[in-house]
Amino acid sequence: MHKWFVYGEFDKASIAAADFLAQQIEACIKQKGICHIVLPGGSSPANCLHYLAKKNLPWNQVNWYLGDERCYPVGHAERNDVMLDKNLWSHISTPNVHRIPAELGAEQAAKVYREVIKPVEVFDVAFLGMGEDGHTASLFPDNDALQDTRSVVPVYEAPKAPDERVSLSISTIKKAKCRMVLTAGAGKAKILAHIREGDPLPINMIGDINWYVDEAAMSTGI
């Protein structure tokens, strides 16, 4: 079942999410000496990642992966790895980053990234985003990528720019040991109500999630 952690302000939700992520990293490294983490794109995680970067963690034992990437050239302002560089990776020592080469195009990049993640049996943490339509990573409602069972999938005809993307698949995300989402704002209230009702949205297809949200996002029913 989903677990809901609700805070009066988004900043407090961001701090709590960073604390939770740090705890997961410490526990994982204590258990097996390494941690494999999936990170989201978008703007919502920025403050959480800032808080995480300030923590004293064994960064050299953490491996970072992307849940999805947009098919833009390297360094494009709208790429997810640019946001992650800015808010996390540039602030920690020896970041072990595994980027999705989306500049190669959706099909080729997905093929390459399948080989990159092949040694990872399961991800320890999948930190994900969630859109107002209930999509997560780049897995959109009614998109053919939802039915693709490969570990990493090309995404075409996305309903928002760019229309070509690369994403971890539903099956890959579902296997992660722990999943978490950080989201906020009244604009997410309607979709969160549908999620709580169990509607068959992509975000509800990946298993149980630890949700970190603000009160505004929980303010409206269906």
N, C-alpha and C. Protein backbone atom coordinates (compact mmCIF):
# COMPACT_ATOMS: atom_id res chain seq x y z
N MET A 1 0.83 -1.21 0.00
CA MET A 1 0.00 0.00 0.00
C MET A 1 0.87 1.26 0.00
N HIS A 2 0.34 2.31 -0.59
CA HIS A 2 1.04 3.59 -0.55
C HIS A 2 1.12 4.08 0.90
N LYS A 3 2.22 4.76 1.22
CA LYS A 3 2.37 5.41 2.52
C LYS A 3 2.44 6.92 2.27
N TRP A 4 1.66 7.67 3.04
CA TRP A 4 1.54 9.10 2.81
C TRP A 4 2.16 9.88 3.96
N PHE A 5 3.07 10.78 3.63
CA PHE A 5 3.70 11.66 4.61
C PHE A 5 3.39 13.10 4.18
N VAL A 6 2.54 13.76 4.95
CA VAL A 6 2.00 15.06 4.55
C VAL A 6 2.55 16.16 5.46
N TYR A 7 2.99 17.24 4.84
CA TYR A 7 3.61 18.36 5.58
C TYR A 7 2.93 19.67 5.20
N GLY A 8 2.93 20.60 6.13
CA GLY A 8 2.27 21.88 5.91
C GLY A 8 2.88 22.68 4.78
N GLU A 9 4.19 22.54 4.60
CA GLU A 9 4.88 23.28 3.55
C GLU A 9 5.72 22.32 2.70
N PHE A 10 5.89 22.67 1.44
CA PHE A 10 6.65 21.81 0.54
C PHE A 10 8.11 21.70 0.97
N ASP A 11 8.66 22.77 1.54
CA ASP A 11 10.05 22.71 1.97
C ASP A 11 10.23 21.65 3.06
N LYS A 12 9.25 21.54 3.94
CA LYS A 12 9.34 20.52 4.99
C LYS A 12 9.22 19.11 4.39
N ALA A 13 8.38 18.98 3.38
CA ALA A 13 8.28 17.69 2.69
C ALA A 13 9.60 17.35 2.01
N SER A 14 10.26 18.37 1.43
CA SER A 14 11.55 18.16 0.76
C SER A 14 12.63 17.72 1.74
N ILE A 15 12.65 18.34 2.92
CA ILE A 15 13.61 17.97 3.96
C ILE A 15 13.37 16.53 4.41
N ALA A 16 12.11 16.19 4.64
CA ALA A 16 11.77 14.83 5.08
C ALA A 16 12.14 13.80 4.02
N ALA A 17 11.92 14.13 2.76
CA ALA A 17 12.27 13.21 1.68
C ALA A 17 13.79 13.02 1.62
N ALA A 18 14.55 14.11 1.81
CA ALA A 18 16.01 14.00 1.82
C ALA A 18 16.48 13.14 2.98
N ASP A 19 15.86 13.31 4.14
CA ASP A 19 16.21 12.50 5.30
C ASP A 19 15.94 11.03 5.04
N PHE A 20 14.79 10.74 4.45
CA PHE A 20 14.42 9.36 4.14
C PHE A 20 15.40 8.75 3.15
N LEU A 21 15.74 9.50 2.13
CA LEU A 21 16.68 9.01 1.13
C LEU A 21 18.04 8.74 1.74
N ALA A 22 18.49 9.64 2.61
CA ALA A 22 19.78 9.45 3.29
C ALA A 22 19.76 8.19 4.16
N GLN A 23 18.65 7.95 4.84
CA GLN A 23 18.52 6.75 5.67
C GLN A 23 18.60 5.49 4.83
N GLN A 24 17.95 5.53 3.66
CA GLN A 24 17.97 4.38 2.77
C GLN A 24 19.39 4.11 2.26
N ILE A 25 20.10 5.18 1.92
CA ILE A 25 21.48 5.04 1.45
C ILE A 25 22.36 4.43 2.54
N GLU A 26 22.27 4.96 3.75
CA GLU A 26 23.10 4.46 4.85
C GLU A 26 22.81 3.00 5.14
N ALA A 27 21.53 2.63 5.18
CA ALA A 27 21.15 1.25 5.47
C ALA A 27 21.63 0.30 4.38
N CYS A 28 21.51 0.73 3.15
CA CYS A 28 21.91 -0.10 2.02
C CYS A 28 23.42 -0.33 2.02
N ILE A 29 24.17 0.72 2.24
CA ILE A 29 25.64 0.60 2.23
C ILE A 29 26.12 -0.23 3.42
N LYS A 30 25.46 -0.06 4.55
CA LYS A 30 25.82 -0.87 5.72
C LYS A 30 25.58 -2.35 5.44
N GLN A 31 24.54 -2.64 4.69
CA GLN A 31 24.18 -4.02 4.41
C GLN A 31 25.06 -4.67 3.35
N LYS A 32 25.37 -3.92 2.26
CA LYS A 32 26.07 -4.56 1.15
C LYS A 32 27.20 -3.74 0.54
N GLY A 33 27.46 -2.55 1.09
CA GLY A 33 28.61 -1.77 0.66
C GLY A 33 28.43 -0.94 -0.58
N ILE A 34 27.22 -0.96 -1.17
CA ILE A 34 26.96 -0.18 -2.38
C ILE A 34 25.47 0.12 -2.44
N CYS A 35 25.11 1.19 -3.15
CA CYS A 35 23.70 1.56 -3.26
C CYS A 35 23.43 2.06 -4.68
N HIS A 36 22.36 1.57 -5.27
CA HIS A 36 21.98 1.94 -6.63
C HIS A 36 20.67 2.73 -6.57
N ILE A 37 20.71 3.99 -6.99
CA ILE A 37 19.56 4.88 -6.83
C ILE A 37 19.13 5.47 -8.16
N VAL A 38 17.84 5.44 -8.41
CA VAL A 38 17.23 6.10 -9.56
C VAL A 38 16.76 7.49 -9.14
N LEU A 39 17.04 8.48 -9.97
CA LEU A 39 16.63 9.86 -9.67
C LEU A 39 15.68 10.40 -10.73
N PRO A 40 14.82 11.35 -10.32
CA PRO A 40 13.86 11.94 -11.25
C PRO A 40 14.39 13.20 -11.92
N GLY A 41 13.64 13.69 -12.89
CA GLY A 41 13.91 15.01 -13.46
C GLY A 41 12.88 15.99 -12.94
N GLY A 42 12.63 17.04 -13.72
CA GLY A 42 11.65 18.03 -13.30
C GLY A 42 12.19 19.00 -12.28
N SER A 43 11.33 19.89 -11.81
CA SER A 43 11.75 20.93 -10.87
C SER A 43 11.49 20.58 -9.41
N SER A 44 10.51 19.71 -9.15
CA SER A 44 10.12 19.42 -7.76
C SER A 44 11.25 18.89 -6.88
N PRO A 45 12.17 18.04 -7.40
CA PRO A 45 13.19 17.46 -6.51
C PRO A 45 14.33 18.41 -6.13
N ALA A 46 14.42 19.59 -6.74
CA ALA A 46 15.61 20.43 -6.60
C ALA A 46 15.98 20.71 -5.15
N ASN A 47 15.04 21.18 -4.35
CA ASN A 47 15.36 21.51 -2.96
C ASN A 47 15.72 20.27 -2.16
N CYS A 48 15.01 19.19 -2.40
CA CYS A 48 15.32 17.92 -1.73
C CYS A 48 16.75 17.51 -2.01
N LEU A 49 17.17 17.62 -3.26
CA LEU A 49 18.53 17.23 -3.63
C LEU A 49 19.57 18.15 -3.02
N HIS A 50 19.24 19.43 -2.90
CA HIS A 50 20.14 20.36 -2.20
C HIS A 50 20.36 19.91 -0.75
N TYR A 51 19.27 19.56 -0.09
CA TYR A 51 19.39 19.09 1.30
C TYR A 51 20.17 17.78 1.38
N LEU A 52 19.93 16.90 0.44
CA LEU A 52 20.64 15.62 0.44
C LEU A 52 22.14 15.84 0.27
N ALA A 53 22.52 16.75 -0.61
CA ALA A 53 23.94 16.99 -0.91
C ALA A 53 24.71 17.50 0.30
N LYS A 54 24.01 18.10 1.25
CA LYS A 54 24.66 18.64 2.45
C LYS A 54 24.97 17.57 3.49
N LYS A 55 24.45 16.38 3.29
CA LYS A 55 24.64 15.32 4.28
C LYS A 55 26.00 14.65 4.12
N ASN A 56 26.49 14.13 5.21
CA ASN A 56 27.79 13.45 5.21
C ASN A 56 27.56 11.96 4.96
N LEU A 57 27.59 11.60 3.70
CA LEU A 57 27.33 10.22 3.31
C LEU A 57 28.51 9.69 2.49
N PRO A 58 28.68 8.37 2.44
CA PRO A 58 29.77 7.77 1.64
C PRO A 58 29.43 7.81 0.15
N TRP A 59 29.53 8.98 -0.44
CA TRP A 59 29.08 9.20 -1.80
C TRP A 59 29.76 8.28 -2.82
N ASN A 60 31.00 7.91 -2.55
CA ASN A 60 31.71 7.06 -3.51
C ASN A 60 31.12 5.65 -3.60
N GLN A 61 30.23 5.31 -2.67
CA GLN A 61 29.60 4.00 -2.69
C GLN A 61 28.16 4.04 -3.24
N VAL A 62 27.78 5.22 -3.74
CA VAL A 62 26.44 5.39 -4.31
C VAL A 62 26.54 5.50 -5.83
N ASN A 63 25.72 4.74 -6.53
CA ASN A 63 25.63 4.83 -7.98
C ASN A 63 24.29 5.46 -8.36
N TRP A 64 24.35 6.49 -9.20
CA TRP A 64 23.17 7.25 -9.59
C TRP A 64 22.73 6.92 -11.01
N TYR A 65 21.45 6.73 -11.19
CA TYR A 65 20.86 6.45 -12.49
C TYR A 65 19.68 7.39 -12.71
N LEU A 66 19.25 7.50 -13.95
CA LEU A 66 18.09 8.33 -14.25
C LEU A 66 16.87 7.47 -14.52
N GLY A 67 15.74 7.92 -14.02
CA GLY A 67 14.49 7.23 -14.32
C GLY A 67 14.08 7.43 -15.76
N ASP A 68 14.43 8.59 -16.30
CA ASP A 68 14.15 8.88 -17.69
C ASP A 68 15.01 10.05 -18.16
N GLU A 69 15.05 10.22 -19.46
CA GLU A 69 15.76 11.36 -20.04
C GLU A 69 15.04 11.81 -21.29
N ARG A 70 15.15 13.11 -21.56
CA ARG A 70 14.52 13.72 -22.72
C ARG A 70 15.52 13.74 -23.87
N CYS A 71 15.04 13.46 -25.08
CA CYS A 71 15.94 13.37 -26.23
C CYS A 71 16.31 14.75 -26.75
N TYR A 72 17.19 15.38 -25.99
CA TYR A 72 17.79 16.67 -26.34
C TYR A 72 19.30 16.49 -26.43
N PRO A 73 20.00 17.43 -27.04
CA PRO A 73 21.46 17.36 -27.08
C PRO A 73 22.08 17.44 -25.68
N VAL A 74 23.29 16.94 -25.55
CA VAL A 74 24.03 17.01 -24.28
C VAL A 74 24.11 18.47 -23.84
N GLY A 75 23.81 18.72 -22.56
CA GLY A 75 23.90 20.06 -22.02
C GLY A 75 22.67 20.91 -22.20
N HIS A 76 21.65 20.42 -22.89
CA HIS A 76 20.42 21.17 -23.09
C HIS A 76 19.76 21.46 -21.73
N ALA A 77 19.27 22.67 -21.57
CA ALA A 77 18.73 23.11 -20.28
C ALA A 77 17.57 22.26 -19.78
N GLU A 78 16.85 21.60 -20.70
CA GLU A 78 15.69 20.82 -20.30
C GLU A 78 16.00 19.34 -20.09
N ARG A 79 17.26 18.97 -20.19
CA ARG A 79 17.61 17.58 -19.88
C ARG A 79 17.58 17.35 -18.38
N ASN A 80 17.18 16.15 -17.99
CA ASN A 80 17.13 15.82 -16.57
C ASN A 80 18.51 15.79 -15.94
N ASP A 81 19.52 15.30 -16.67
CA ASP A 81 20.84 15.23 -16.07
C ASP A 81 21.44 16.61 -15.81
N VAL A 82 21.01 17.62 -16.56
CA VAL A 82 21.47 18.99 -16.30
C VAL A 82 20.93 19.47 -14.95
N MET A 83 19.65 19.21 -14.69
CA MET A 83 19.06 19.56 -13.40
C MET A 83 19.76 18.82 -12.26
N LEU A 84 20.06 17.56 -12.46
CA LEU A 84 20.70 16.77 -11.42
C LEU A 84 22.14 17.20 -11.18
N ASP A 85 22.84 17.56 -12.25
CA ASP A 85 24.19 18.12 -12.09
C ASP A 85 24.15 19.37 -11.22
N LYS A 86 23.23 20.25 -11.54
CA LYS A 86 23.13 21.54 -10.87
C LYS A 86 22.80 21.40 -9.39
N ASN A 87 21.88 20.50 -9.08
CA ASN A 87 21.34 20.44 -7.72
C ASN A 87 21.93 19.35 -6.82
N LEU A 88 22.63 18.39 -7.41
CA LEU A 88 23.19 17.32 -6.57
C LEU A 88 24.61 16.95 -6.95
N TRP A 89 24.81 16.45 -8.15
CA TRP A 89 26.08 15.82 -8.49
C TRP A 89 27.27 16.77 -8.40
N SER A 90 27.07 18.04 -8.71
CA SER A 90 28.18 18.99 -8.64
C SER A 90 28.53 19.38 -7.21
N HIS A 91 27.71 18.95 -6.25
CA HIS A 91 27.91 19.33 -4.84
C HIS A 91 28.45 18.20 -3.98
N ILE A 92 28.63 17.01 -4.56
CA ILE A 92 29.12 15.89 -3.76
C ILE A 92 30.43 15.38 -4.36
N SER A 93 31.19 14.70 -3.52
CA SER A 93 32.48 14.18 -3.97
C SER A 93 32.30 12.87 -4.74
N THR A 94 33.11 12.68 -5.73
CA THR A 94 33.16 11.45 -6.54
C THR A 94 31.79 10.86 -6.90
N PRO A 95 30.92 11.65 -7.54
CA PRO A 95 29.62 11.08 -7.91
C PRO A 95 29.75 10.03 -9.02
N ASN A 96 29.17 8.86 -8.78
CA ASN A 96 29.18 7.79 -9.77
C ASN A 96 27.89 7.88 -10.58
N VAL A 97 27.96 8.59 -11.69
CA VAL A 97 26.77 8.93 -12.47
C VAL A 97 26.68 8.08 -13.74
N HIS A 98 25.50 7.53 -13.96
CA HIS A 98 25.25 6.72 -15.16
C HIS A 98 24.15 7.41 -15.97
N ARG A 99 24.57 8.20 -16.94
CA ARG A 99 23.65 9.02 -17.72
C ARG A 99 23.00 8.21 -18.85
N ILE A 100 21.80 8.62 -19.21
CA ILE A 100 21.14 8.05 -20.39
C ILE A 100 21.58 8.88 -21.60
N PRO A 101 22.19 8.26 -22.61
CA PRO A 101 22.68 9.01 -23.78
C PRO A 101 21.54 9.34 -24.74
N ALA A 102 20.57 10.12 -24.27
CA ALA A 102 19.36 10.38 -25.05
C ALA A 102 19.63 11.16 -26.33
N GLU A 103 20.81 11.79 -26.40
CA GLU A 103 21.17 12.51 -27.62
C GLU A 103 21.32 11.57 -28.81
N LEU A 104 21.40 10.26 -28.55
CA LEU A 104 21.51 9.26 -29.62
C LEU A 104 20.16 8.95 -30.26
N GLY A 105 19.09 9.45 -29.67
CA GLY A 105 17.75 9.08 -30.12
C GLY A 105 17.17 8.02 -29.21
N ALA A 106 15.86 7.94 -29.17
CA ALA A 106 15.19 7.10 -28.18
C ALA A 106 15.56 5.62 -28.29
N GLU A 107 15.54 5.08 -29.49
CA GLU A 107 15.79 3.64 -29.65
C GLU A 107 17.22 3.26 -29.29
N GLN A 108 18.19 3.97 -29.83
CA GLN A 108 19.58 3.65 -29.58
C GLN A 108 19.95 3.90 -28.12
N ALA A 109 19.47 5.00 -27.55
CA ALA A 109 19.77 5.32 -26.15
C ALA A 109 19.21 4.27 -25.21
N ALA A 110 17.99 3.81 -25.50
CA ALA A 110 17.40 2.76 -24.67
C ALA A 110 18.23 1.48 -24.73
N LYS A 111 18.70 1.15 -25.93
CA LYS A 111 19.53 -0.04 -26.11
C LYS A 111 20.83 0.06 -25.31
N VAL A 112 21.48 1.22 -25.39
CA VAL A 112 22.73 1.43 -24.64
C VAL A 112 22.48 1.36 -23.14
N TYR A 113 21.42 2.00 -22.68
CA TYR A 113 21.18 2.06 -21.23
C TYR A 113 20.76 0.71 -20.66
N ARG A 114 20.15 -0.13 -21.48
CA ARG A 114 19.84 -1.49 -21.01
C ARG A 114 21.12 -2.22 -20.63
N GLU A 115 22.18 -1.99 -21.38
CA GLU A 115 23.46 -2.61 -21.06
C GLU A 115 24.09 -1.99 -19.82
N VAL A 116 23.89 -0.68 -19.65
CA VAL A 116 24.43 0.02 -18.48
C VAL A 116 23.84 -0.53 -17.18
N ILE A 117 22.52 -0.75 -17.18
CA ILE A 117 21.88 -1.18 -15.94
C ILE A 117 21.83 -2.70 -15.79
N LYS A 118 22.30 -3.42 -16.80
CA LYS A 118 22.24 -4.88 -16.76
C LYS A 118 22.88 -5.48 -15.51
N PRO A 119 24.02 -4.96 -15.02
CA PRO A 119 24.62 -5.55 -13.82
C PRO A 119 23.81 -5.30 -12.54
N VAL A 120 22.85 -4.39 -12.58
CA VAL A 120 22.06 -4.07 -11.39
C VAL A 120 20.84 -4.99 -11.34
N GLU A 121 20.86 -5.92 -10.42
CA GLU A 121 19.75 -6.88 -10.34
C GLU A 121 18.45 -6.16 -10.03
N VAL A 122 18.47 -5.34 -8.99
CA VAL A 122 17.33 -4.48 -8.66
C VAL A 122 17.88 -3.15 -8.13
N PHE A 123 17.16 -2.07 -8.37
CA PHE A 123 17.55 -0.79 -7.79
C PHE A 123 17.13 -0.75 -6.32
N ASP A 124 17.98 -0.13 -5.52
CA ASP A 124 17.68 -0.05 -4.09
C ASP A 124 16.61 1.00 -3.80
N VAL A 125 16.70 2.12 -4.48
CA VAL A 125 15.70 3.19 -4.32
C VAL A 125 15.36 3.74 -5.70
N ALA A 126 14.08 3.89 -5.96
CA ALA A 126 13.62 4.60 -7.15
C ALA A 126 12.91 5.86 -6.68
N PHE A 127 13.61 6.98 -6.79
CA PHE A 127 13.06 8.29 -6.45
C PHE A 127 12.46 8.81 -7.75
N LEU A 128 11.14 9.02 -7.75
CA LEU A 128 10.41 9.30 -8.98
C LEU A 128 9.66 10.62 -8.90
N GLY A 129 9.32 11.13 -10.06
CA GLY A 129 8.43 12.27 -10.15
C GLY A 129 7.05 11.80 -10.58
N MET A 130 6.09 12.72 -10.58
CA MET A 130 4.74 12.37 -10.98
C MET A 130 4.07 13.60 -11.59
N GLY A 131 3.53 13.45 -12.79
CA GLY A 131 2.87 14.55 -13.47
C GLY A 131 1.38 14.64 -13.15
N GLU A 132 0.77 15.71 -13.60
CA GLU A 132 -0.64 15.94 -13.31
C GLU A 132 -1.56 14.95 -14.02
N ASP A 133 -1.01 14.19 -14.97
CA ASP A 133 -1.79 13.15 -15.64
C ASP A 133 -1.53 11.77 -15.06
N GLY A 134 -0.71 11.71 -14.00
CA GLY A 134 -0.40 10.43 -13.37
C GLY A 134 0.75 9.69 -14.00
N HIS A 135 1.51 10.36 -14.87
CA HIS A 135 2.69 9.68 -15.44
C HIS A 135 3.84 9.72 -14.46
N THR A 136 4.74 8.77 -14.61
CA THR A 136 5.97 8.76 -13.82
C THR A 136 7.11 8.37 -14.74
N ALA A 137 8.33 8.85 -14.42
CA ALA A 137 9.44 8.78 -15.38
C ALA A 137 8.90 9.35 -16.70
N SER A 138 9.07 8.65 -17.82
CA SER A 138 8.41 9.11 -19.05
C SER A 138 7.40 8.08 -19.52
N LEU A 139 6.68 7.53 -18.55
CA LEU A 139 5.65 6.53 -18.82
C LEU A 139 4.29 7.19 -18.69
N PHE A 140 3.73 7.56 -19.84
CA PHE A 140 2.50 8.35 -19.89
C PHE A 140 1.28 7.46 -20.08
N PRO A 141 0.11 7.91 -19.59
CA PRO A 141 -1.12 7.14 -19.79
C PRO A 141 -1.35 6.83 -21.27
N ASP A 142 -1.73 5.59 -21.55
CA ASP A 142 -2.11 5.14 -22.89
C ASP A 142 -0.96 5.15 -23.90
N ASN A 143 0.27 5.31 -23.43
CA ASN A 143 1.40 5.29 -24.34
C ASN A 143 1.89 3.85 -24.53
N ASP A 144 2.34 3.54 -25.73
CA ASP A 144 2.80 2.17 -26.03
C ASP A 144 3.93 1.71 -25.12
N ALA A 145 4.72 2.65 -24.59
CA ALA A 145 5.85 2.30 -23.73
C ALA A 145 5.41 1.56 -22.47
N LEU A 146 4.17 1.75 -22.06
CA LEU A 146 3.67 1.07 -20.87
C LEU A 146 3.65 -0.45 -21.04
N GLN A 147 3.51 -0.89 -22.28
CA GLN A 147 3.41 -2.33 -22.55
C GLN A 147 4.76 -2.95 -22.89
N ASP A 148 5.80 -2.14 -22.96
CA ASP A 148 7.13 -2.62 -23.33
C ASP A 148 7.79 -3.22 -22.09
N THR A 149 8.11 -4.50 -22.14
CA THR A 149 8.63 -5.20 -20.96
C THR A 149 10.15 -5.19 -20.85
N ARG A 150 10.83 -4.56 -21.80
CA ARG A 150 12.28 -4.47 -21.70
C ARG A 150 12.67 -3.57 -20.53
N SER A 151 13.89 -3.67 -20.04
CA SER A 151 14.28 -2.93 -18.83
C SER A 151 14.29 -1.42 -19.04
N VAL A 152 14.69 -0.99 -20.23
CA VAL A 152 14.70 0.42 -20.60
C VAL A 152 13.98 0.54 -21.93
N VAL A 153 13.09 1.54 -22.04
CA VAL A 153 12.23 1.58 -23.22
C VAL A 153 12.31 2.93 -23.93
N PRO A 154 12.22 2.93 -25.26
CA PRO A 154 12.07 4.18 -26.00
C PRO A 154 10.63 4.68 -25.86
N VAL A 155 10.48 5.97 -25.78
CA VAL A 155 9.15 6.57 -25.66
C VAL A 155 8.93 7.51 -26.84
N TYR A 156 7.85 7.29 -27.56
CA TYR A 156 7.49 8.14 -28.70
C TYR A 156 6.12 8.76 -28.45
N GLU A 157 5.89 9.88 -29.10
CA GLU A 157 4.60 10.57 -29.03
C GLU A 157 4.22 10.92 -27.60
N ALA A 158 5.19 11.36 -26.81
CA ALA A 158 4.89 11.85 -25.47
C ALA A 158 3.99 13.08 -25.60
N PRO A 159 3.05 13.26 -24.67
CA PRO A 159 2.11 14.38 -24.78
C PRO A 159 2.69 15.73 -24.43
N LYS A 160 3.94 15.77 -24.02
CA LYS A 160 4.60 17.03 -23.75
C LYS A 160 6.01 16.97 -24.32
N ALA A 161 6.54 18.14 -24.65
CA ALA A 161 7.86 18.19 -25.30
C ALA A 161 8.97 17.72 -24.38
N PRO A 162 9.98 17.04 -24.95
CA PRO A 162 10.02 16.55 -26.33
C PRO A 162 9.20 15.28 -26.47
N ASP A 163 8.76 14.99 -27.67
CA ASP A 163 7.89 13.82 -27.83
C ASP A 163 8.66 12.51 -27.86
N GLU A 164 10.01 12.59 -27.96
CA GLU A 164 10.84 11.38 -27.87
C GLU A 164 11.65 11.40 -26.57
N ARG A 165 11.61 10.29 -25.87
CA ARG A 165 12.27 10.17 -24.57
C ARG A 165 12.77 8.75 -24.37
N VAL A 166 13.46 8.54 -23.26
CA VAL A 166 13.93 7.21 -22.86
C VAL A 166 13.54 7.04 -21.40
N SER A 167 13.07 5.86 -21.03
CA SER A 167 12.58 5.66 -19.66
C SER A 167 12.88 4.26 -19.16
N LEU A 168 13.12 4.14 -17.88
CA LEU A 168 13.05 2.82 -17.26
C LEU A 168 11.63 2.32 -17.44
N SER A 169 11.47 1.04 -17.58
CA SER A 169 10.14 0.47 -17.84
C SER A 169 9.37 0.27 -16.53
N ILE A 170 8.07 0.03 -16.69
CA ILE A 170 7.24 -0.30 -15.54
C ILE A 170 7.83 -1.47 -14.78
N SER A 171 8.25 -2.52 -15.49
CA SER A 171 8.77 -3.72 -14.83
C SER A 171 10.04 -3.43 -14.05
N THR A 172 10.91 -2.57 -14.57
CA THR A 172 12.15 -2.24 -13.87
C THR A 172 11.87 -1.45 -12.60
N ILE A 173 11.01 -0.45 -12.70
CA ILE A 173 10.69 0.38 -11.54
C ILE A 173 9.96 -0.45 -10.48
N LYS A 174 9.10 -1.33 -10.94
CA LYS A 174 8.32 -2.15 -10.01
C LYS A 174 9.21 -3.06 -9.17
N LYS A 175 10.34 -3.46 -9.72
CA LYS A 175 11.25 -4.36 -8.99
C LYS A 175 12.09 -3.65 -7.93
N ALA A 176 12.15 -2.32 -7.98
CA ALA A 176 12.98 -1.58 -7.02
C ALA A 176 12.57 -1.93 -5.59
N LYS A 177 13.55 -1.99 -4.70
CA LYS A 177 13.27 -2.35 -3.31
C LYS A 177 12.43 -1.29 -2.61
N CYS A 178 12.61 -0.03 -3.01
CA CYS A 178 11.92 1.08 -2.37
C CYS A 178 11.60 2.13 -3.43
N ARG A 179 10.37 2.64 -3.41
CA ARG A 179 9.97 3.70 -4.33
C ARG A 179 9.48 4.90 -3.54
N MET A 180 9.82 6.10 -4.01
CA MET A 180 9.38 7.31 -3.33
C MET A 180 9.05 8.39 -4.36
N VAL A 181 8.08 9.24 -4.00
CA VAL A 181 7.69 10.36 -4.84
C VAL A 181 7.58 11.60 -3.96
N LEU A 182 8.10 12.71 -4.45
CA LEU A 182 7.98 14.01 -3.79
C LEU A 182 7.19 14.90 -4.73
N THR A 183 6.06 15.43 -4.27
CA THR A 183 5.26 16.31 -5.12
C THR A 183 4.46 17.26 -4.26
N ALA A 184 3.95 18.32 -4.87
CA ALA A 184 3.30 19.35 -4.07
C ALA A 184 2.41 20.24 -4.92
N GLY A 185 1.56 20.98 -4.23
CA GLY A 185 0.77 22.01 -4.87
C GLY A 185 -0.66 21.59 -5.17
N ALA A 186 -1.55 22.57 -5.20
CA ALA A 186 -2.95 22.31 -5.47
C ALA A 186 -3.16 21.72 -6.86
N GLY A 187 -2.22 21.99 -7.78
CA GLY A 187 -2.33 21.45 -9.12
C GLY A 187 -2.23 19.93 -9.17
N LYS A 188 -1.69 19.32 -8.12
CA LYS A 188 -1.56 17.86 -8.06
C LYS A 188 -2.68 17.21 -7.25
N ALA A 189 -3.56 18.03 -6.66
CA ALA A 189 -4.58 17.49 -5.76
C ALA A 189 -5.54 16.54 -6.46
N LYS A 190 -6.00 16.90 -7.64
CA LYS A 190 -6.98 16.06 -8.33
C LYS A 190 -6.39 14.70 -8.69
N ILE A 191 -5.17 14.70 -9.24
CA ILE A 191 -4.58 13.41 -9.62
C ILE A 191 -4.24 12.57 -8.40
N LEU A 192 -3.84 13.20 -7.30
CA LEU A 192 -3.56 12.43 -6.08
C LEU A 192 -4.83 11.78 -5.55
N ALA A 193 -5.96 12.46 -5.70
CA ALA A 193 -7.23 11.86 -5.28
C ALA A 193 -7.52 10.62 -6.11
N HIS A 194 -7.27 10.68 -7.41
CA HIS A 194 -7.47 9.51 -8.28
C HIS A 194 -6.49 8.39 -7.91
N ILE A 195 -5.28 8.76 -7.56
CA ILE A 195 -4.28 7.75 -7.16
C ILE A 195 -4.73 7.05 -5.88
N ARG A 196 -5.24 7.81 -4.93
CA ARG A 196 -5.71 7.21 -3.67
C ARG A 196 -6.92 6.31 -3.89
N GLU A 197 -7.66 6.58 -4.97
CA GLU A 197 -8.81 5.73 -5.30
C GLU A 197 -8.38 4.45 -6.03
N GLY A 198 -7.10 4.39 -6.40
CA GLY A 198 -6.59 3.19 -7.06
C GLY A 198 -6.80 3.16 -8.56
N ASP A 199 -7.02 4.31 -9.18
CA ASP A 199 -7.22 4.36 -10.62
C ASP A 199 -6.01 3.80 -11.37
N PRO A 200 -6.23 3.18 -12.52
CA PRO A 200 -5.14 2.50 -13.26
C PRO A 200 -4.25 3.48 -14.02
N LEU A 201 -3.54 4.30 -13.30
CA LEU A 201 -2.60 5.26 -13.87
C LEU A 201 -1.20 4.66 -13.86
N PRO A 202 -0.30 5.16 -14.70
CA PRO A 202 1.07 4.62 -14.68
C PRO A 202 1.69 4.61 -13.28
N ILE A 203 1.50 5.67 -12.51
CA ILE A 203 2.10 5.75 -11.18
C ILE A 203 1.54 4.67 -10.25
N ASN A 204 0.33 4.19 -10.53
CA ASN A 204 -0.26 3.14 -9.71
C ASN A 204 0.09 1.74 -10.21
N MET A 205 0.87 1.67 -11.28
CA MET A 205 1.25 0.37 -11.84
C MET A 205 2.60 -0.13 -11.34
N ILE A 206 3.29 0.70 -10.53
CA ILE A 206 4.67 0.37 -10.17
C ILE A 206 4.83 -0.17 -8.75
N GLY A 207 3.71 -0.35 -8.03
CA GLY A 207 3.81 -0.90 -6.68
C GLY A 207 3.67 0.17 -5.61
N ASP A 208 3.97 -0.22 -4.38
CA ASP A 208 3.83 0.67 -3.24
C ASP A 208 4.83 1.82 -3.30
N ILE A 209 4.40 2.98 -2.85
CA ILE A 209 5.22 4.19 -2.92
C ILE A 209 5.18 4.91 -1.58
N ASN A 210 6.32 5.46 -1.19
CA ASN A 210 6.40 6.39 -0.06
C ASN A 210 6.21 7.80 -0.62
N TRP A 211 5.09 8.41 -0.29
CA TRP A 211 4.74 9.72 -0.83
C TRP A 211 5.10 10.82 0.15
N TYR A 212 5.81 11.84 -0.33
CA TYR A 212 6.13 13.04 0.46
C TYR A 212 5.45 14.21 -0.24
N VAL A 213 4.42 14.76 0.41
CA VAL A 213 3.59 15.78 -0.22
C VAL A 213 3.27 16.90 0.77
N ASP A 214 2.82 18.02 0.23
CA ASP A 214 2.36 19.10 1.10
C ASP A 214 0.83 19.04 1.24
N GLU A 215 0.31 19.82 2.16
CA GLU A 215 -1.14 19.78 2.42
C GLU A 215 -1.94 20.24 1.21
N ALA A 216 -1.39 21.17 0.45
CA ALA A 216 -2.12 21.67 -0.73
C ALA A 216 -2.40 20.56 -1.72
N ALA A 217 -1.46 19.64 -1.87
CA ALA A 217 -1.61 18.55 -2.82
C ALA A 217 -2.66 17.53 -2.36
N MET A 218 -2.99 17.55 -1.07
CA MET A 218 -3.95 16.61 -0.52
C MET A 218 -5.30 17.29 -0.22
N SER A 219 -5.48 18.48 -0.75
CA SER A 219 -6.60 19.31 -0.32
C SER A 219 -7.92 19.07 -1.02
N THR A 220 -7.89 18.36 -2.14
CA THR A 220 -9.09 18.23 -2.96
C THR A 220 -9.41 16.78 -3.22
N GLY A 221 -10.68 16.43 -3.08
CA GLY A 221 -11.12 15.10 -3.44
C GLY A 221 -11.47 15.03 -4.91
N ILE A 222 -11.96 13.90 -5.34
CA ILE A 222 -12.32 13.73 -6.75
C ILE A 222 -13.61 14.49 -7.03
